[in-house]
Amino acid sequence: MKLTFELDHIGVAVESLEKGKPFWETLGLGPMTTERVDSEKVLTGFFELGNDARIELLEPTHPDSPIAKYLSKRGPGIHHICLKVNDIRAVMKALKAQGVQLINEEPKLGAHDCEVAFIHPKSTGGILLELSQPRGAK
């Protein structure tokens, strides 16, 4: 099987979805769909784009969440880029074999019932990269 990659979404850290969404609505995007992701301690708000990619707003739901920590260090802004893959475990295995530093050793449950894993910015030139695969897809 050939591994495939598509832009899934760009994640934007915000203090709150209510504060973060007006700009995107000004562009004409919406409605925003929300989902709580307990594994990441965030509330997400997604805006669909015309090419099946999305903008994801990330609001922390707990003071020790990764997004809360990001906001305290850097303030609101782009947090990560997410690529949709057709075989997350194969991609992770191939990257690890090439010395890429993974944050997650195994995929975990993320938004939209997807398996997700993150690649450390040290391996990507400074960008937090998320891999995502809908559960059960291949």
N, C-alpha and C. Protein backbone atom coordinates (compact mmCIF):
# COMPACT_ATOMS: atom_id res chain seq x y z
N MET A 1 0.85 -1.19 0.00
CA MET A 1 0.00 0.00 0.00
C MET A 1 0.89 1.24 0.00
N LYS A 2 0.57 2.17 -0.87
CA LYS A 2 1.29 3.44 -0.92
C LYS A 2 0.73 4.37 0.16
N LEU A 3 1.63 4.97 0.91
CA LEU A 3 1.20 5.92 1.94
C LEU A 3 0.78 7.22 1.28
N THR A 4 -0.33 7.80 1.75
CA THR A 4 -0.81 9.06 1.19
C THR A 4 -0.94 10.10 2.30
N PHE A 5 -0.80 11.36 1.91
CA PHE A 5 -0.88 12.49 2.82
C PHE A 5 -1.74 13.58 2.21
N GLU A 6 -2.63 14.15 3.00
CA GLU A 6 -3.46 15.29 2.58
C GLU A 6 -3.50 16.27 3.73
N LEU A 7 -3.60 17.56 3.42
CA LEU A 7 -3.78 18.54 4.48
C LEU A 7 -5.16 18.32 5.09
N ASP A 8 -5.21 18.08 6.38
CA ASP A 8 -6.48 17.90 7.08
C ASP A 8 -6.92 19.22 7.71
N HIS A 9 -6.05 19.80 8.54
CA HIS A 9 -6.40 21.07 9.16
C HIS A 9 -5.18 21.80 9.69
N ILE A 10 -5.39 23.06 9.99
CA ILE A 10 -4.40 23.88 10.68
C ILE A 10 -5.01 24.21 12.03
N GLY A 11 -4.29 23.89 13.10
CA GLY A 11 -4.77 24.11 14.46
C GLY A 11 -4.31 25.46 14.97
N VAL A 12 -5.25 26.23 15.52
CA VAL A 12 -4.97 27.58 16.02
C VAL A 12 -5.34 27.62 17.50
N ALA A 13 -4.37 27.93 18.36
CA ALA A 13 -4.62 28.05 19.79
C ALA A 13 -5.33 29.37 20.06
N VAL A 14 -6.41 29.31 20.83
CA VAL A 14 -7.18 30.51 21.20
C VAL A 14 -7.51 30.45 22.69
N GLU A 15 -7.69 31.61 23.29
CA GLU A 15 -8.08 31.65 24.70
C GLU A 15 -9.48 31.08 24.89
N SER A 16 -10.36 31.35 23.93
CA SER A 16 -11.71 30.78 23.95
C SER A 16 -12.23 30.74 22.52
N LEU A 17 -13.12 29.79 22.27
CA LEU A 17 -13.71 29.70 20.93
C LEU A 17 -14.49 30.97 20.61
N GLU A 18 -15.15 31.52 21.61
CA GLU A 18 -15.95 32.74 21.40
C GLU A 18 -15.08 33.92 20.97
N LYS A 19 -13.88 34.02 21.54
CA LYS A 19 -12.95 35.10 21.16
C LYS A 19 -12.30 34.80 19.81
N GLY A 20 -12.10 33.53 19.52
CA GLY A 20 -11.37 33.15 18.32
C GLY A 20 -12.18 33.11 17.04
N LYS A 21 -13.49 32.86 17.16
CA LYS A 21 -14.27 32.62 15.95
C LYS A 21 -14.66 33.85 15.14
N PRO A 22 -14.79 35.07 15.70
CA PRO A 22 -15.28 36.19 14.89
C PRO A 22 -14.49 36.47 13.62
N PHE A 23 -13.17 36.39 13.67
CA PHE A 23 -12.40 36.65 12.45
C PHE A 23 -12.76 35.67 11.34
N TRP A 24 -12.84 34.39 11.69
CA TRP A 24 -13.12 33.36 10.69
C TRP A 24 -14.53 33.52 10.13
N GLU A 25 -15.47 33.95 10.97
CA GLU A 25 -16.82 34.23 10.49
C GLU A 25 -16.82 35.46 9.58
N THR A 26 -15.94 36.42 9.86
CA THR A 26 -15.81 37.60 9.00
C THR A 26 -15.41 37.20 7.59
N LEU A 27 -14.61 36.14 7.48
CA LEU A 27 -14.21 35.64 6.16
C LEU A 27 -15.37 34.94 5.44
N GLY A 28 -16.43 34.66 6.18
CA GLY A 28 -17.56 33.95 5.59
C GLY A 28 -17.57 32.47 5.90
N LEU A 29 -16.67 32.04 6.78
CA LEU A 29 -16.64 30.63 7.15
C LEU A 29 -17.67 30.37 8.24
N GLY A 30 -18.18 29.19 8.26
CA GLY A 30 -19.14 28.82 9.30
C GLY A 30 -20.23 27.97 8.71
N PRO A 31 -21.02 27.38 9.55
CA PRO A 31 -20.96 27.50 11.00
C PRO A 31 -19.79 26.71 11.56
N MET A 32 -19.39 27.06 12.78
CA MET A 32 -18.32 26.36 13.48
C MET A 32 -18.94 25.17 14.22
N THR A 33 -18.35 24.00 14.02
CA THR A 33 -18.80 22.83 14.78
C THR A 33 -17.82 22.60 15.92
N THR A 34 -18.33 22.22 17.08
CA THR A 34 -17.46 22.05 18.24
C THR A 34 -17.45 20.60 18.71
N GLU A 35 -16.35 20.27 19.35
CA GLU A 35 -16.19 18.92 19.91
C GLU A 35 -15.20 19.00 21.07
N ARG A 36 -15.52 18.36 22.15
CA ARG A 36 -14.62 18.26 23.29
C ARG A 36 -13.71 17.05 23.08
N VAL A 37 -12.40 17.24 23.25
CA VAL A 37 -11.44 16.15 23.12
C VAL A 37 -10.74 16.00 24.47
N ASP A 38 -11.26 15.10 25.27
CA ASP A 38 -10.75 14.94 26.63
C ASP A 38 -9.30 14.48 26.67
N SER A 39 -8.88 13.68 25.70
CA SER A 39 -7.49 13.19 25.70
C SER A 39 -6.49 14.33 25.58
N GLU A 40 -6.89 15.45 24.97
CA GLU A 40 -6.02 16.61 24.81
C GLU A 40 -6.42 17.78 25.71
N LYS A 41 -7.51 17.60 26.48
CA LYS A 41 -8.01 18.64 27.38
C LYS A 41 -8.30 19.94 26.62
N VAL A 42 -9.04 19.79 25.51
CA VAL A 42 -9.41 20.95 24.69
C VAL A 42 -10.86 20.87 24.22
N LEU A 43 -11.37 22.03 23.90
CA LEU A 43 -12.62 22.16 23.16
C LEU A 43 -12.20 22.66 21.79
N THR A 44 -12.62 21.93 20.75
CA THR A 44 -12.24 22.31 19.39
C THR A 44 -13.42 22.95 18.67
N GLY A 45 -13.11 23.85 17.78
CA GLY A 45 -14.10 24.45 16.90
C GLY A 45 -13.57 24.36 15.49
N PHE A 46 -14.30 23.70 14.60
CA PHE A 46 -13.83 23.49 13.23
C PHE A 46 -14.63 24.33 12.25
N PHE A 47 -13.90 24.95 11.32
CA PHE A 47 -14.48 25.64 10.17
C PHE A 47 -14.07 24.87 8.93
N GLU A 48 -15.03 24.45 8.13
CA GLU A 48 -14.77 23.70 6.91
C GLU A 48 -14.35 24.65 5.79
N LEU A 49 -13.36 24.24 5.01
CA LEU A 49 -12.92 24.99 3.84
C LEU A 49 -13.39 24.27 2.59
N GLY A 50 -13.35 24.93 1.47
CA GLY A 50 -13.86 24.37 0.23
C GLY A 50 -13.10 23.18 -0.31
N ASN A 51 -11.87 22.97 0.13
CA ASN A 51 -11.06 21.87 -0.40
C ASN A 51 -10.99 20.70 0.57
N ASP A 52 -11.95 20.58 1.46
CA ASP A 52 -12.04 19.53 2.46
C ASP A 52 -11.02 19.66 3.59
N ALA A 53 -10.25 20.72 3.62
CA ALA A 53 -9.38 21.01 4.77
C ALA A 53 -10.18 21.87 5.74
N ARG A 54 -9.64 22.06 6.94
CA ARG A 54 -10.37 22.82 7.95
C ARG A 54 -9.42 23.72 8.73
N ILE A 55 -10.00 24.70 9.39
CA ILE A 55 -9.32 25.50 10.41
C ILE A 55 -9.87 24.99 11.74
N GLU A 56 -8.98 24.63 12.66
CA GLU A 56 -9.38 24.12 13.97
C GLU A 56 -8.95 25.12 15.03
N LEU A 57 -9.91 25.64 15.78
CA LEU A 57 -9.62 26.48 16.93
C LEU A 57 -9.54 25.57 18.16
N LEU A 58 -8.56 25.82 19.02
CA LEU A 58 -8.30 24.97 20.18
C LEU A 58 -8.37 25.81 21.45
N GLU A 59 -9.36 25.53 22.29
CA GLU A 59 -9.53 26.21 23.57
C GLU A 59 -9.18 25.23 24.69
N PRO A 60 -8.29 25.61 25.61
CA PRO A 60 -7.97 24.70 26.70
C PRO A 60 -9.16 24.52 27.64
N THR A 61 -9.32 23.29 28.14
CA THR A 61 -10.38 23.02 29.11
C THR A 61 -9.81 22.77 30.51
N HIS A 62 -8.48 22.80 30.62
CA HIS A 62 -7.83 22.58 31.91
C HIS A 62 -6.51 23.35 31.92
N PRO A 63 -6.12 23.92 33.06
CA PRO A 63 -4.88 24.71 33.12
C PRO A 63 -3.61 23.96 32.75
N ASP A 64 -3.61 22.61 32.86
CA ASP A 64 -2.39 21.87 32.50
C ASP A 64 -2.46 21.24 31.12
N SER A 65 -3.41 21.66 30.31
CA SER A 65 -3.50 21.11 28.95
C SER A 65 -2.35 21.65 28.09
N PRO A 66 -1.97 20.90 27.05
CA PRO A 66 -0.92 21.39 26.16
C PRO A 66 -1.26 22.76 25.54
N ILE A 67 -2.51 23.01 25.26
CA ILE A 67 -2.90 24.29 24.66
C ILE A 67 -2.78 25.42 25.69
N ALA A 68 -3.15 25.16 26.94
CA ALA A 68 -2.99 26.18 27.98
C ALA A 68 -1.51 26.54 28.14
N LYS A 69 -0.65 25.53 28.12
CA LYS A 69 0.79 25.77 28.24
C LYS A 69 1.30 26.55 27.04
N TYR A 70 0.84 26.19 25.85
CA TYR A 70 1.23 26.90 24.63
C TYR A 70 0.81 28.37 24.72
N LEU A 71 -0.43 28.62 25.11
CA LEU A 71 -0.94 29.99 25.21
C LEU A 71 -0.14 30.81 26.23
N SER A 72 0.24 30.20 27.35
CA SER A 72 0.98 30.95 28.37
C SER A 72 2.38 31.32 27.89
N LYS A 73 2.97 30.50 27.02
CA LYS A 73 4.32 30.77 26.49
C LYS A 73 4.31 31.67 25.26
N ARG A 74 3.34 31.44 24.35
CA ARG A 74 3.39 32.09 23.05
C ARG A 74 2.19 32.96 22.72
N GLY A 75 1.09 32.78 23.44
CA GLY A 75 -0.13 33.51 23.12
C GLY A 75 -0.87 32.82 21.98
N PRO A 76 -2.00 33.39 21.57
CA PRO A 76 -2.79 32.80 20.49
C PRO A 76 -2.01 32.74 19.17
N GLY A 77 -2.32 31.72 18.38
CA GLY A 77 -1.69 31.61 17.06
C GLY A 77 -1.67 30.19 16.56
N ILE A 78 -0.99 29.98 15.44
CA ILE A 78 -0.93 28.65 14.84
C ILE A 78 -0.21 27.71 15.80
N HIS A 79 -0.86 26.62 16.11
CA HIS A 79 -0.31 25.62 17.03
C HIS A 79 0.27 24.43 16.29
N HIS A 80 -0.44 23.93 15.26
CA HIS A 80 0.04 22.77 14.54
C HIS A 80 -0.58 22.67 13.15
N ILE A 81 0.02 21.82 12.34
CA ILE A 81 -0.52 21.45 11.03
C ILE A 81 -0.82 19.96 11.10
N CYS A 82 -1.96 19.57 10.57
CA CYS A 82 -2.37 18.16 10.61
C CYS A 82 -2.45 17.60 9.19
N LEU A 83 -1.81 16.45 9.01
CA LEU A 83 -1.90 15.72 7.75
C LEU A 83 -2.73 14.47 7.95
N LYS A 84 -3.69 14.28 7.05
CA LYS A 84 -4.49 13.05 7.05
C LYS A 84 -3.68 11.98 6.32
N VAL A 85 -3.57 10.80 6.93
CA VAL A 85 -2.82 9.70 6.34
C VAL A 85 -3.73 8.49 6.20
N ASN A 86 -3.34 7.58 5.32
CA ASN A 86 -4.18 6.40 5.10
C ASN A 86 -3.75 5.21 5.96
N ASP A 87 -2.58 5.29 6.61
CA ASP A 87 -2.14 4.22 7.50
C ASP A 87 -1.21 4.82 8.55
N ILE A 88 -1.79 5.31 9.63
CA ILE A 88 -1.03 6.05 10.63
C ILE A 88 0.08 5.22 11.25
N ARG A 89 -0.18 3.95 11.51
CA ARG A 89 0.84 3.12 12.13
C ARG A 89 2.03 2.89 11.19
N ALA A 90 1.75 2.71 9.91
CA ALA A 90 2.83 2.52 8.93
C ALA A 90 3.66 3.80 8.80
N VAL A 91 2.99 4.95 8.80
CA VAL A 91 3.71 6.23 8.71
C VAL A 91 4.59 6.41 9.95
N MET A 92 4.02 6.14 11.12
CA MET A 92 4.79 6.29 12.36
C MET A 92 6.00 5.35 12.36
N LYS A 93 5.81 4.13 11.93
CA LYS A 93 6.91 3.16 11.90
C LYS A 93 8.00 3.62 10.94
N ALA A 94 7.61 4.09 9.75
CA ALA A 94 8.59 4.54 8.77
C ALA A 94 9.36 5.77 9.27
N LEU A 95 8.65 6.70 9.91
CA LEU A 95 9.32 7.89 10.43
C LEU A 95 10.28 7.54 11.56
N LYS A 96 9.83 6.69 12.46
CA LYS A 96 10.68 6.28 13.59
C LYS A 96 11.95 5.59 13.08
N ALA A 97 11.80 4.75 12.06
CA ALA A 97 12.96 4.05 11.48
C ALA A 97 13.97 5.02 10.88
N GLN A 98 13.48 6.21 10.50
CA GLN A 98 14.37 7.22 9.92
C GLN A 98 14.87 8.21 10.97
N GLY A 99 14.59 7.92 12.26
CA GLY A 99 15.10 8.76 13.33
C GLY A 99 14.26 9.97 13.67
N VAL A 100 13.05 10.02 13.15
CA VAL A 100 12.15 11.14 13.45
C VAL A 100 11.64 10.98 14.88
N GLN A 101 11.63 12.10 15.63
CA GLN A 101 11.19 12.06 17.02
C GLN A 101 9.67 12.19 17.10
N LEU A 102 9.02 11.13 17.54
CA LEU A 102 7.57 11.12 17.71
C LEU A 102 7.24 11.51 19.15
N ILE A 103 6.17 12.25 19.33
CA ILE A 103 5.69 12.56 20.68
C ILE A 103 4.89 11.39 21.21
N ASN A 104 4.12 10.76 20.35
CA ASN A 104 3.29 9.61 20.73
C ASN A 104 3.88 8.34 20.14
N GLU A 105 4.01 7.31 20.97
CA GLU A 105 4.49 6.02 20.49
C GLU A 105 3.36 5.22 19.83
N GLU A 106 2.14 5.49 20.24
CA GLU A 106 0.96 4.85 19.67
C GLU A 106 -0.07 5.93 19.37
N PRO A 107 -0.89 5.75 18.34
CA PRO A 107 -1.96 6.72 18.08
C PRO A 107 -2.95 6.75 19.24
N LYS A 108 -3.59 7.90 19.43
CA LYS A 108 -4.64 8.03 20.45
C LYS A 108 -5.86 8.63 19.80
N LEU A 109 -6.97 8.60 20.51
CA LEU A 109 -8.22 9.10 19.97
C LEU A 109 -8.22 10.63 19.97
N GLY A 110 -8.53 11.21 18.82
CA GLY A 110 -8.63 12.66 18.68
C GLY A 110 -10.01 13.06 18.21
N ALA A 111 -10.11 14.29 17.73
CA ALA A 111 -11.39 14.81 17.23
C ALA A 111 -11.87 14.01 16.03
N HIS A 112 -13.17 14.04 15.81
CA HIS A 112 -13.82 13.42 14.65
C HIS A 112 -13.61 11.92 14.59
N ASP A 113 -13.43 11.29 15.76
CA ASP A 113 -13.24 9.84 15.84
C ASP A 113 -12.04 9.38 15.01
N CYS A 114 -10.97 10.16 15.09
CA CYS A 114 -9.74 9.84 14.36
C CYS A 114 -8.65 9.39 15.31
N GLU A 115 -7.79 8.53 14.82
CA GLU A 115 -6.57 8.19 15.54
C GLU A 115 -5.55 9.26 15.18
N VAL A 116 -4.87 9.79 16.19
CA VAL A 116 -3.90 10.87 15.96
C VAL A 116 -2.59 10.58 16.67
N ALA A 117 -1.53 11.16 16.14
CA ALA A 117 -0.21 11.10 16.75
C ALA A 117 0.54 12.37 16.33
N PHE A 118 1.44 12.81 17.20
CA PHE A 118 2.17 14.04 16.93
C PHE A 118 3.65 13.78 16.73
N ILE A 119 4.25 14.58 15.85
CA ILE A 119 5.68 14.53 15.57
C ILE A 119 6.30 15.78 16.21
N HIS A 120 7.40 15.57 16.92
CA HIS A 120 8.04 16.66 17.66
C HIS A 120 8.60 17.72 16.70
N PRO A 121 8.43 18.99 17.06
CA PRO A 121 8.97 20.08 16.22
C PRO A 121 10.47 19.99 15.97
N LYS A 122 11.22 19.33 16.85
CA LYS A 122 12.67 19.17 16.63
C LYS A 122 12.96 18.41 15.35
N SER A 123 12.03 17.57 14.92
CA SER A 123 12.24 16.77 13.71
C SER A 123 11.65 17.41 12.45
N THR A 124 10.90 18.48 12.59
CA THR A 124 10.18 19.04 11.44
C THR A 124 10.62 20.45 11.08
N GLY A 125 11.66 20.93 11.70
CA GLY A 125 12.08 22.31 11.44
C GLY A 125 11.27 23.31 12.24
N GLY A 126 10.72 22.90 13.37
CA GLY A 126 10.03 23.83 14.26
C GLY A 126 8.52 23.80 14.21
N ILE A 127 7.93 22.86 13.46
CA ILE A 127 6.47 22.79 13.34
C ILE A 127 5.97 21.55 14.06
N LEU A 128 4.97 21.73 14.93
CA LEU A 128 4.30 20.57 15.52
C LEU A 128 3.41 19.98 14.43
N LEU A 129 3.64 18.73 14.10
CA LEU A 129 2.89 18.08 13.03
C LEU A 129 2.05 16.96 13.61
N GLU A 130 0.76 17.00 13.29
CA GLU A 130 -0.17 15.95 13.72
C GLU A 130 -0.45 15.05 12.52
N LEU A 131 -0.51 13.75 12.78
CA LEU A 131 -0.96 12.77 11.79
C LEU A 131 -2.34 12.32 12.23
N SER A 132 -3.25 12.13 11.28
CA SER A 132 -4.62 11.77 11.61
C SER A 132 -5.15 10.75 10.62
N GLN A 133 -5.85 9.75 11.15
CA GLN A 133 -6.51 8.75 10.31
C GLN A 133 -7.86 8.43 10.93
N PRO A 134 -8.94 8.52 10.14
CA PRO A 134 -10.25 8.12 10.68
C PRO A 134 -10.19 6.67 11.16
N ARG A 135 -10.75 6.42 12.34
CA ARG A 135 -10.71 5.04 12.87
C ARG A 135 -11.40 4.09 11.91
N GLY A 136 -10.78 2.94 11.71
CA GLY A 136 -11.36 1.93 10.84
C GLY A 136 -11.06 2.14 9.37
N ALA A 137 -10.42 3.25 9.01
CA ALA A 137 -10.13 3.53 7.59
C ALA A 137 -8.80 2.92 7.19
N LYS A 138 -8.74 2.43 5.98
CA LYS A 138 -7.51 1.98 5.32
C LYS A 138 -7.81 1.70 3.90
